[in-house]
Amino acid sequence: MIKTEELIKGFKTAEARWARFGSYYATFPVDFAFNVVKEYSKENDYIIDPFAGRYSSIYAGAVLKRNGLGI
Protein backbone atom coordinates (compact mmCIF):
# COMPACT_ATOMS: atom_id res chain seq x y z
CA MET A 1 0.00 0.00 0.00
CA ILE A 2 1.29 3.48 -0.90
CA LYS A 3 1.40 6.00 1.91
CA THR A 4 -0.18 9.40 1.33
CA GLU A 5 3.16 11.16 1.87
CA GLU A 6 4.79 9.09 -0.88
CA LEU A 7 1.96 9.80 -3.30
CA ILE A 8 2.03 13.55 -2.68
CA LYS A 9 5.83 13.65 -2.92
CA GLY A 10 5.64 12.32 -6.49
CA PHE A 11 3.41 15.21 -7.59
CA LYS A 12 5.39 18.18 -6.24
CA THR A 13 6.71 19.41 -9.57
CA ALA A 14 5.07 19.79 -12.97
CA GLU A 15 7.68 17.44 -14.43
CA ALA A 16 6.82 14.75 -11.90
CA ARG A 17 3.11 15.10 -12.57
CA TRP A 18 3.66 14.98 -16.34
CA ALA A 19 5.97 11.96 -16.09
CA ARG A 20 3.19 9.95 -14.49
CA PHE A 21 1.22 10.12 -17.73
CA GLY A 22 3.99 8.29 -19.59
CA SER A 23 5.42 9.05 -23.00
CA TYR A 24 3.61 11.41 -25.33
CA TYR A 25 3.64 9.87 -28.80
CA ALA A 26 1.77 12.45 -30.87
CA THR A 27 4.53 15.03 -30.95
CA PHE A 28 5.86 16.79 -34.01
CA PRO A 29 8.94 18.97 -34.45
CA VAL A 30 8.53 22.57 -33.27
CA ASP A 31 9.96 23.69 -36.63
CA PHE A 32 6.90 22.16 -38.28
CA ALA A 33 4.62 24.28 -36.07
CA PHE A 34 6.63 27.41 -36.90
CA ASN A 35 6.37 26.72 -40.64
CA VAL A 36 2.60 26.16 -40.51
CA VAL A 37 1.96 29.24 -38.37
CA LYS A 38 4.12 31.41 -40.67
CA GLU A 39 2.46 30.08 -43.82
CA TYR A 40 -1.17 30.30 -42.76
CA SER A 41 -1.37 33.32 -40.45
CA LYS A 42 -0.23 36.91 -40.03
CA GLU A 43 0.92 38.88 -36.98
CA ASN A 44 -1.90 39.47 -34.48
CA ASP A 45 -4.03 36.65 -35.96
CA TYR A 46 -5.50 34.05 -33.61
CA ILE A 47 -4.16 30.50 -33.54
CA ILE A 48 -6.69 28.03 -32.16
CA ASP A 49 -5.52 24.48 -31.52
CA PRO A 50 -8.30 22.20 -30.25
CA PHE A 51 -5.84 19.33 -29.80
CA ALA A 52 -3.02 21.32 -28.20
CA GLY A 53 -1.10 18.41 -26.65
CA ARG A 54 2.31 19.92 -25.94
CA TYR A 55 1.19 23.39 -27.14
CA SER A 56 3.85 23.52 -29.87
CA SER A 57 1.62 25.48 -32.24
CA ILE A 58 0.60 27.93 -29.51
CA TYR A 59 4.25 28.41 -28.56
CA ALA A 60 5.21 29.02 -32.19
CA GLY A 61 2.36 31.49 -32.50
CA ALA A 62 3.44 33.42 -29.43
CA VAL A 63 7.01 33.69 -30.69
CA LEU A 64 5.72 34.84 -34.09
CA LYS A 65 3.42 37.46 -32.51
CA ARG A 66 0.14 35.60 -32.87
CA ASN A 67 -2.55 35.19 -30.23
CA GLY A 68 -3.08 31.60 -29.20
CA LEU A 69 -5.74 29.43 -27.62
CA GLY A 70 -5.02 25.80 -26.92
CA ILE A 71 -7.57 23.37 -25.55
PDB file of N, CA and C in Angstrom:
ATOM      1  N   MET A   1       0.840  -1.179   0.000  1.00  0.00           N
ATOM      2  CA  MET A   1       0.000   0.000   0.000  1.00  0.00           C
ATOM      3  C   MET A   1       0.887   1.246   0.000  1.00  0.00           C
ATOM      4  N   ILE A   2       0.529   2.235  -0.806  1.00  0.00           N
ATOM      5  CA  ILE A   2       1.289   3.479  -0.902  1.00  0.00           C
ATOM      6  C   ILE A   2       0.801   4.446   0.168  1.00  0.00           C
ATOM      7  N   LYS A   3       1.748   5.007   0.888  1.00  0.00           N
ATOM      8  CA  LYS A   3       1.401   5.998   1.907  1.00  0.00           C
ATOM      9  C   LYS A   3       1.079   7.327   1.236  1.00  0.00           C
ATOM     10  N   THR A   4       0.229   8.102   1.875  1.00  0.00           N
ATOM     11  CA  THR A   4      -0.176   9.399   1.334  1.00  0.00           C
ATOM     12  C   THR A   4       1.021  10.300   1.092  1.00  0.00           C
ATOM     13  N   GLU A   5       1.982  10.301   2.015  1.00  0.00           N
ATOM     14  CA  GLU A   5       3.161  11.162   1.871  1.00  0.00           C
ATOM     15  C   GLU A   5       3.947  10.812   0.609  1.00  0.00           C
ATOM     16  N   GLU A   6       4.062   9.524   0.314  1.00  0.00           N
ATOM     17  CA  GLU A   6       4.793   9.094  -0.880  1.00  0.00           C
ATOM     18  C   GLU A   6       4.060   9.511  -2.151  1.00  0.00           C
ATOM     19  N   LEU A   7       2.754   9.415  -2.142  1.00  0.00           N
ATOM     20  CA  LEU A   7       1.963   9.797  -3.299  1.00  0.00           C
ATOM     21  C   LEU A   7       2.073  11.291  -3.569  1.00  0.00           C
ATOM     22  N   ILE A   8       1.945  12.089  -2.540  1.00  0.00           N
ATOM     23  CA  ILE A   8       2.028  13.546  -2.681  1.00  0.00           C
ATOM     24  C   ILE A   8       3.424  13.963  -3.117  1.00  0.00           C
ATOM     25  N   LYS A   9       4.448  13.314  -2.575  1.00  0.00           N
ATOM     26  CA  LYS A   9       5.835  13.647  -2.917  1.00  0.00           C
ATOM     27  C   LYS A   9       6.079  13.510  -4.419  1.00  0.00           C
ATOM     28  N   GLY A  10       5.455  12.540  -5.062  1.00  0.00           N
ATOM     29  CA  GLY A  10       5.639  12.315  -6.492  1.00  0.00           C
ATOM     30  C   GLY A  10       4.967  13.346  -7.382  1.00  0.00           C
ATOM     31  N   PHE A  11       4.148  14.222  -6.804  1.00  0.00           N
ATOM     32  CA  PHE A  11       3.413  15.211  -7.592  1.00  0.00           C
ATOM     33  C   PHE A  11       3.841  16.642  -7.291  1.00  0.00           C
ATOM     34  N   LYS A  12       4.977  16.835  -6.655  1.00  0.00           N
ATOM     35  CA  LYS A  12       5.390  18.179  -6.236  1.00  0.00           C
ATOM     36  C   LYS A  12       5.765  19.095  -7.388  1.00  0.00           C
ATOM     37  N   THR A  13       6.311  18.563  -8.444  1.00  0.00           N
ATOM     38  CA  THR A  13       6.714  19.411  -9.572  1.00  0.00           C
ATOM     39  C   THR A  13       5.876  19.077 -10.805  1.00  0.00           C
ATOM     40  N   ALA A  14       5.811  20.024 -11.725  1.00  0.00           N
ATOM     41  CA  ALA A  14       5.072  19.790 -12.967  1.00  0.00           C
ATOM     42  C   ALA A  14       5.681  18.623 -13.742  1.00  0.00           C
ATOM     43  N   GLU A  15       7.006  18.529 -13.717  1.00  0.00           N
ATOM     44  CA  GLU A  15       7.679  17.442 -14.432  1.00  0.00           C
ATOM     45  C   GLU A  15       7.282  16.089 -13.859  1.00  0.00           C
ATOM     46  N   ALA A  16       7.197  16.012 -12.543  1.00  0.00           N
ATOM     47  CA  ALA A  16       6.820  14.752 -11.903  1.00  0.00           C
ATOM     48  C   ALA A  16       5.381  14.383 -12.235  1.00  0.00           C
ATOM     49  N   ARG A  17       4.509  15.365 -12.224  1.00  0.00           N
ATOM     50  CA  ARG A  17       3.108  15.099 -12.566  1.00  0.00           C
ATOM     51  C   ARG A  17       2.995  14.649 -14.016  1.00  0.00           C
ATOM     52  N   TRP A  18       3.711  15.310 -14.912  1.00  0.00           N
ATOM     53  CA  TRP A  18       3.655  14.978 -16.335  1.00  0.00           C
ATOM     54  C   TRP A  18       4.234  13.593 -16.597  1.00  0.00           C
ATOM     55  N   ALA A  19       5.304  13.252 -15.898  1.00  0.00           N
ATOM     56  CA  ALA A  19       5.965  11.963 -16.095  1.00  0.00           C
ATOM     57  C   ALA A  19       5.037  10.803 -15.754  1.00  0.00           C
ATOM     58  N   ARG A  20       4.120  11.015 -14.869  1.00  0.00           N
ATOM     59  CA  ARG A  20       3.191   9.949 -14.485  1.00  0.00           C
ATOM     60  C   ARG A  20       2.260   9.556 -15.628  1.00  0.00           C
ATOM     61  N   PHE A  21       2.079  10.434 -16.595  1.00  0.00           N
ATOM     62  CA  PHE A  21       1.222  10.119 -17.727  1.00  0.00           C
ATOM     63  C   PHE A  21       1.927   9.239 -18.748  1.00  0.00           C
ATOM     64  N   GLY A  22       3.230   9.103 -18.644  1.00  0.00           N
ATOM     65  CA  GLY A  22       3.987   8.292 -19.587  1.00  0.00           C
ATOM     66  C   GLY A  22       4.414   9.095 -20.802  1.00  0.00           C
ATOM     67  N   SER A  23       4.927   8.391 -21.785  1.00  0.00           N
ATOM     68  CA  SER A  23       5.420   9.046 -23.002  1.00  0.00           C
ATOM     69  C   SER A  23       4.275   9.671 -23.782  1.00  0.00           C
ATOM     70  N   TYR A  24       4.586  10.732 -24.492  1.00  0.00           N
ATOM     71  CA  TYR A  24       3.605  11.406 -25.334  1.00  0.00           C
ATOM     72  C   TYR A  24       4.012  11.143 -26.769  1.00  0.00           C
ATOM     73  N   TYR A  25       3.231  10.355 -27.490  1.00  0.00           N
ATOM     74  CA  TYR A  25       3.644   9.865 -28.800  1.00  0.00           C
ATOM     75  C   TYR A  25       3.199  10.719 -29.977  1.00  0.00           C
ATOM     76  N   ALA A  26       2.315  11.672 -29.751  1.00  0.00           N
ATOM     77  CA  ALA A  26       1.768  12.448 -30.869  1.00  0.00           C
ATOM     78  C   ALA A  26       2.501  13.770 -31.073  1.00  0.00           C
ATOM     79  N   THR A  27       3.774  13.789 -30.811  1.00  0.00           N
ATOM     80  CA  THR A  27       4.528  15.032 -30.949  1.00  0.00           C
ATOM     81  C   THR A  27       4.983  15.231 -32.391  1.00  0.00           C
ATOM     82  N   PHE A  28       5.259  16.466 -32.722  1.00  0.00           N
ATOM     83  CA  PHE A  28       5.858  16.790 -34.010  1.00  0.00           C
ATOM     84  C   PHE A  28       6.902  17.861 -33.762  1.00  0.00           C
ATOM     85  N   PRO A  29       7.872  18.000 -34.661  1.00  0.00           N
ATOM     86  CA  PRO A  29       8.941  18.973 -34.447  1.00  0.00           C
ATOM     87  C   PRO A  29       8.390  20.398 -34.338  1.00  0.00           C
ATOM     88  N   VAL A  30       8.960  21.182 -33.455  1.00  0.00           N
ATOM     89  CA  VAL A  30       8.529  22.568 -33.270  1.00  0.00           C
ATOM     90  C   VAL A  30       8.726  23.352 -34.563  1.00  0.00           C
ATOM     91  N   ASP A  31       9.748  23.012 -35.337  1.00  0.00           N
ATOM     92  CA  ASP A  31       9.964  23.686 -36.628  1.00  0.00           C
ATOM     93  C   ASP A  31       8.753  23.537 -37.542  1.00  0.00           C
ATOM     94  N   PHE A  32       8.110  22.384 -37.490  1.00  0.00           N
ATOM     95  CA  PHE A  32       6.900  22.165 -38.284  1.00  0.00           C
ATOM     96  C   PHE A  32       5.811  23.154 -37.872  1.00  0.00           C
ATOM     97  N   ALA A  33       5.625  23.323 -36.572  1.00  0.00           N
ATOM     98  CA  ALA A  33       4.624  24.277 -36.072  1.00  0.00           C
ATOM     99  C   ALA A  33       4.955  25.692 -36.529  1.00  0.00           C
ATOM    100  N   PHE A  34       6.223  26.071 -36.450  1.00  0.00           N
ATOM    101  CA  PHE A  34       6.630  27.407 -36.898  1.00  0.00           C
ATOM    102  C   PHE A  34       6.312  27.602 -38.385  1.00  0.00           C
ATOM    103  N   ASN A  35       6.625  26.608 -39.194  1.00  0.00           N
ATOM    104  CA  ASN A  35       6.366  26.717 -40.637  1.00  0.00           C
ATOM    105  C   ASN A  35       4.880  26.869 -40.939  1.00  0.00           C
ATOM    106  N   VAL A  36       4.048  26.089 -40.278  1.00  0.00           N
ATOM    107  CA  VAL A  36       2.604  26.155 -40.515  1.00  0.00           C
ATOM    108  C   VAL A  36       2.042  27.498 -40.060  1.00  0.00           C
ATOM    109  N   VAL A  37       2.456  27.954 -38.883  1.00  0.00           N
ATOM    110  CA  VAL A  37       1.963  29.242 -38.367  1.00  0.00           C
ATOM    111  C   VAL A  37       2.389  30.379 -39.292  1.00  0.00           C
ATOM    112  N   LYS A  38       3.641  30.367 -39.745  1.00  0.00           N
ATOM    113  CA  LYS A  38       4.117  31.413 -40.669  1.00  0.00           C
ATOM    114  C   LYS A  38       3.343  31.406 -41.987  1.00  0.00           C
ATOM    115  N   GLU A  39       3.095  30.215 -42.512  1.00  0.00           N
ATOM    116  CA  GLU A  39       2.458  30.075 -43.821  1.00  0.00           C
ATOM    117  C   GLU A  39       0.981  30.471 -43.823  1.00  0.00           C
ATOM    118  N   TYR A  40       0.282  30.158 -42.748  1.00  0.00           N
ATOM    119  CA  TYR A  40      -1.172  30.303 -42.762  1.00  0.00           C
ATOM    120  C   TYR A  40      -1.728  31.378 -41.831  1.00  0.00           C
ATOM    121  N   SER A  41      -0.871  32.241 -41.301  1.00  0.00           N
ATOM    122  CA  SER A  41      -1.369  33.323 -40.448  1.00  0.00           C
ATOM    123  C   SER A  41      -0.467  34.544 -40.558  1.00  0.00           C
ATOM    124  N   LYS A  42      -0.985  35.656 -40.055  1.00  0.00           N
ATOM    125  CA  LYS A  42      -0.226  36.910 -40.027  1.00  0.00           C
ATOM    126  C   LYS A  42      -0.102  37.360 -38.580  1.00  0.00           C
ATOM    127  N   GLU A  43       0.782  38.326 -38.333  1.00  0.00           N
ATOM    128  CA  GLU A  43       0.916  38.878 -36.982  1.00  0.00           C
ATOM    129  C   GLU A  43      -0.441  39.334 -36.474  1.00  0.00           C
ATOM    130  N   ASN A  44      -0.667  39.112 -35.199  1.00  0.00           N
ATOM    131  CA  ASN A  44      -1.898  39.465 -34.482  1.00  0.00           C
ATOM    132  C   ASN A  44      -3.103  38.603 -34.839  1.00  0.00           C
ATOM    133  N   ASP A  45      -2.950  37.606 -35.718  1.00  0.00           N
ATOM    134  CA  ASP A  45      -4.027  36.647 -35.955  1.00  0.00           C
ATOM    135  C   ASP A  45      -4.180  35.762 -34.720  1.00  0.00           C
ATOM    136  N   TYR A  46      -5.259  34.999 -34.692  1.00  0.00           N
ATOM    137  CA  TYR A  46      -5.498  34.046 -33.614  1.00  0.00           C
ATOM    138  C   TYR A  46      -5.200  32.636 -34.096  1.00  0.00           C
ATOM    139  N   ILE A  47      -4.465  31.901 -33.285  1.00  0.00           N
ATOM    140  CA  ILE A  47      -4.161  30.501 -33.539  1.00  0.00           C
ATOM    141  C   ILE A  47      -4.989  29.701 -32.540  1.00  0.00           C
ATOM    142  N   ILE A  48      -5.883  28.863 -33.036  1.00  0.00           N
ATOM    143  CA  ILE A  48      -6.695  28.026 -32.158  1.00  0.00           C
ATOM    144  C   ILE A  48      -6.326  26.576 -32.431  1.00  0.00           C
ATOM    145  N   ASP A  49      -5.905  25.880 -31.393  1.00  0.00           N
ATOM    146  CA  ASP A  49      -5.516  24.479 -31.525  1.00  0.00           C
ATOM    147  C   ASP A  49      -6.384  23.643 -30.582  1.00  0.00           C
ATOM    148  N   PRO A  50      -7.414  22.976 -31.108  1.00  0.00           N
ATOM    149  CA  PRO A  50      -8.305  22.205 -30.246  1.00  0.00           C
ATOM    150  C   PRO A  50      -7.682  20.906 -29.719  1.00  0.00           C
ATOM    151  N   PHE A  51      -6.542  20.521 -30.256  1.00  0.00           N
ATOM    152  CA  PHE A  51      -5.835  19.333 -29.795  1.00  0.00           C
ATOM    153  C   PHE A  51      -4.411  19.732 -29.415  1.00  0.00           C
ATOM    154  N   ALA A  52      -4.286  20.652 -28.487  1.00  0.00           N
ATOM    155  CA  ALA A  52      -3.019  21.322 -28.199  1.00  0.00           C
ATOM    156  C   ALA A  52      -1.892  20.388 -27.767  1.00  0.00           C
ATOM    157  N   GLY A  53      -2.161  19.331 -27.054  1.00  0.00           N
ATOM    158  CA  GLY A  53      -1.102  18.407 -26.651  1.00  0.00           C
ATOM    159  C   GLY A  53       0.024  19.093 -25.907  1.00  0.00           C
ATOM    160  N   ARG A  54       1.147  19.256 -26.552  1.00  0.00           N
ATOM    161  CA  ARG A  54       2.306  19.925 -25.938  1.00  0.00           C
ATOM    162  C   ARG A  54       2.348  21.421 -26.231  1.00  0.00           C
ATOM    163  N   TYR A  55       1.322  21.955 -26.859  1.00  0.00           N
ATOM    164  CA  TYR A  55       1.188  23.388 -27.141  1.00  0.00           C
ATOM    165  C   TYR A  55       2.276  23.921 -28.071  1.00  0.00           C
ATOM    166  N   SER A  56       2.809  23.083 -28.935  1.00  0.00           N
ATOM    167  CA  SER A  56       3.854  23.522 -29.866  1.00  0.00           C
ATOM    168  C   SER A  56       3.362  24.618 -30.798  1.00  0.00           C
ATOM    169  N   SER A  57       2.147  24.466 -31.309  1.00  0.00           N
ATOM    170  CA  SER A  57       1.621  25.475 -32.235  1.00  0.00           C
ATOM    171  C   SER A  57       1.334  26.789 -31.519  1.00  0.00           C
ATOM    172  N   ILE A  58       0.872  26.724 -30.287  1.00  0.00           N
ATOM    173  CA  ILE A  58       0.599  27.934 -29.511  1.00  0.00           C
ATOM    174  C   ILE A  58       1.913  28.635 -29.177  1.00  0.00           C
ATOM    175  N   TYR A  59       2.929  27.854 -28.827  1.00  0.00           N
ATOM    176  CA  TYR A  59       4.255  28.410 -28.556  1.00  0.00           C
ATOM    177  C   TYR A  59       4.796  29.106 -29.801  1.00  0.00           C
ATOM    178  N   ALA A  60       4.722  28.431 -30.944  1.00  0.00           N
ATOM    179  CA  ALA A  60       5.211  29.024 -32.193  1.00  0.00           C
ATOM    180  C   ALA A  60       4.455  30.308 -32.492  1.00  0.00           C
ATOM    181  N   GLY A  61       3.157  30.295 -32.282  1.00  0.00           N
ATOM    182  CA  GLY A  61       2.358  31.494 -32.505  1.00  0.00           C
ATOM    183  C   GLY A  61       2.770  32.648 -31.612  1.00  0.00           C
ATOM    184  N   ALA A  62       3.029  32.363 -30.360  1.00  0.00           N
ATOM    185  CA  ALA A  62       3.442  33.419 -29.427  1.00  0.00           C
ATOM    186  C   ALA A  62       4.767  34.034 -29.851  1.00  0.00           C
ATOM    187  N   VAL A  63       5.709  33.197 -30.251  1.00  0.00           N
ATOM    188  CA  VAL A  63       7.014  33.692 -30.694  1.00  0.00           C
ATOM    189  C   VAL A  63       6.865  34.534 -31.961  1.00  0.00           C
ATOM    190  N   LEU A  64       5.932  34.136 -32.823  1.00  0.00           N
ATOM    191  CA  LEU A  64       5.723  34.837 -34.093  1.00  0.00           C
ATOM    192  C   LEU A  64       4.666  35.944 -33.993  1.00  0.00           C
ATOM    193  N   LYS A  65       4.343  36.348 -32.782  1.00  0.00           N
ATOM    194  CA  LYS A  65       3.423  37.464 -32.507  1.00  0.00           C
ATOM    195  C   LYS A  65       1.991  37.184 -32.956  1.00  0.00           C
ATOM    196  N   ARG A  66       1.541  35.958 -32.662  1.00  0.00           N
ATOM    197  CA  ARG A  66       0.142  35.596 -32.868  1.00  0.00           C
ATOM    198  C   ARG A  66      -0.504  35.407 -31.497  1.00  0.00           C
ATOM    199  N   ASN A  67      -1.804  35.483 -31.449  1.00  0.00           N
ATOM    200  CA  ASN A  67      -2.550  35.192 -30.229  1.00  0.00           C
ATOM    201  C   ASN A  67      -2.941  33.726 -30.280  1.00  0.00           C
ATOM    202  N   GLY A  68      -2.814  33.029 -29.171  1.00  0.00           N
ATOM    203  CA  GLY A  68      -3.084  31.604 -29.204  1.00  0.00           C
ATOM    204  C   GLY A  68      -4.072  31.136 -28.165  1.00  0.00           C
ATOM    205  N   LEU A  69      -4.824  30.102 -28.530  1.00  0.00           N
ATOM    206  CA  LEU A  69      -5.738  29.432 -27.619  1.00  0.00           C
ATOM    207  C   LEU A  69      -5.601  27.940 -27.852  1.00  0.00           C
ATOM    208  N   GLY A  70      -5.148  27.246 -26.834  1.00  0.00           N
ATOM    209  CA  GLY A  70      -5.021  25.801 -26.921  1.00  0.00           C
ATOM    210  C   GLY A  70      -5.961  25.132 -25.940  1.00  0.00           C
ATOM    211  N   ILE A  71      -6.599  24.071 -26.403  1.00  0.00           N
ATOM    212  CA  ILE A  71      -7.567  23.371 -25.552  1.00  0.00           C
ATOM    213  C   ILE A  71      -7.070  21.965 -25.295  1.00  0.00           C
TER     214      ILE A  71
END
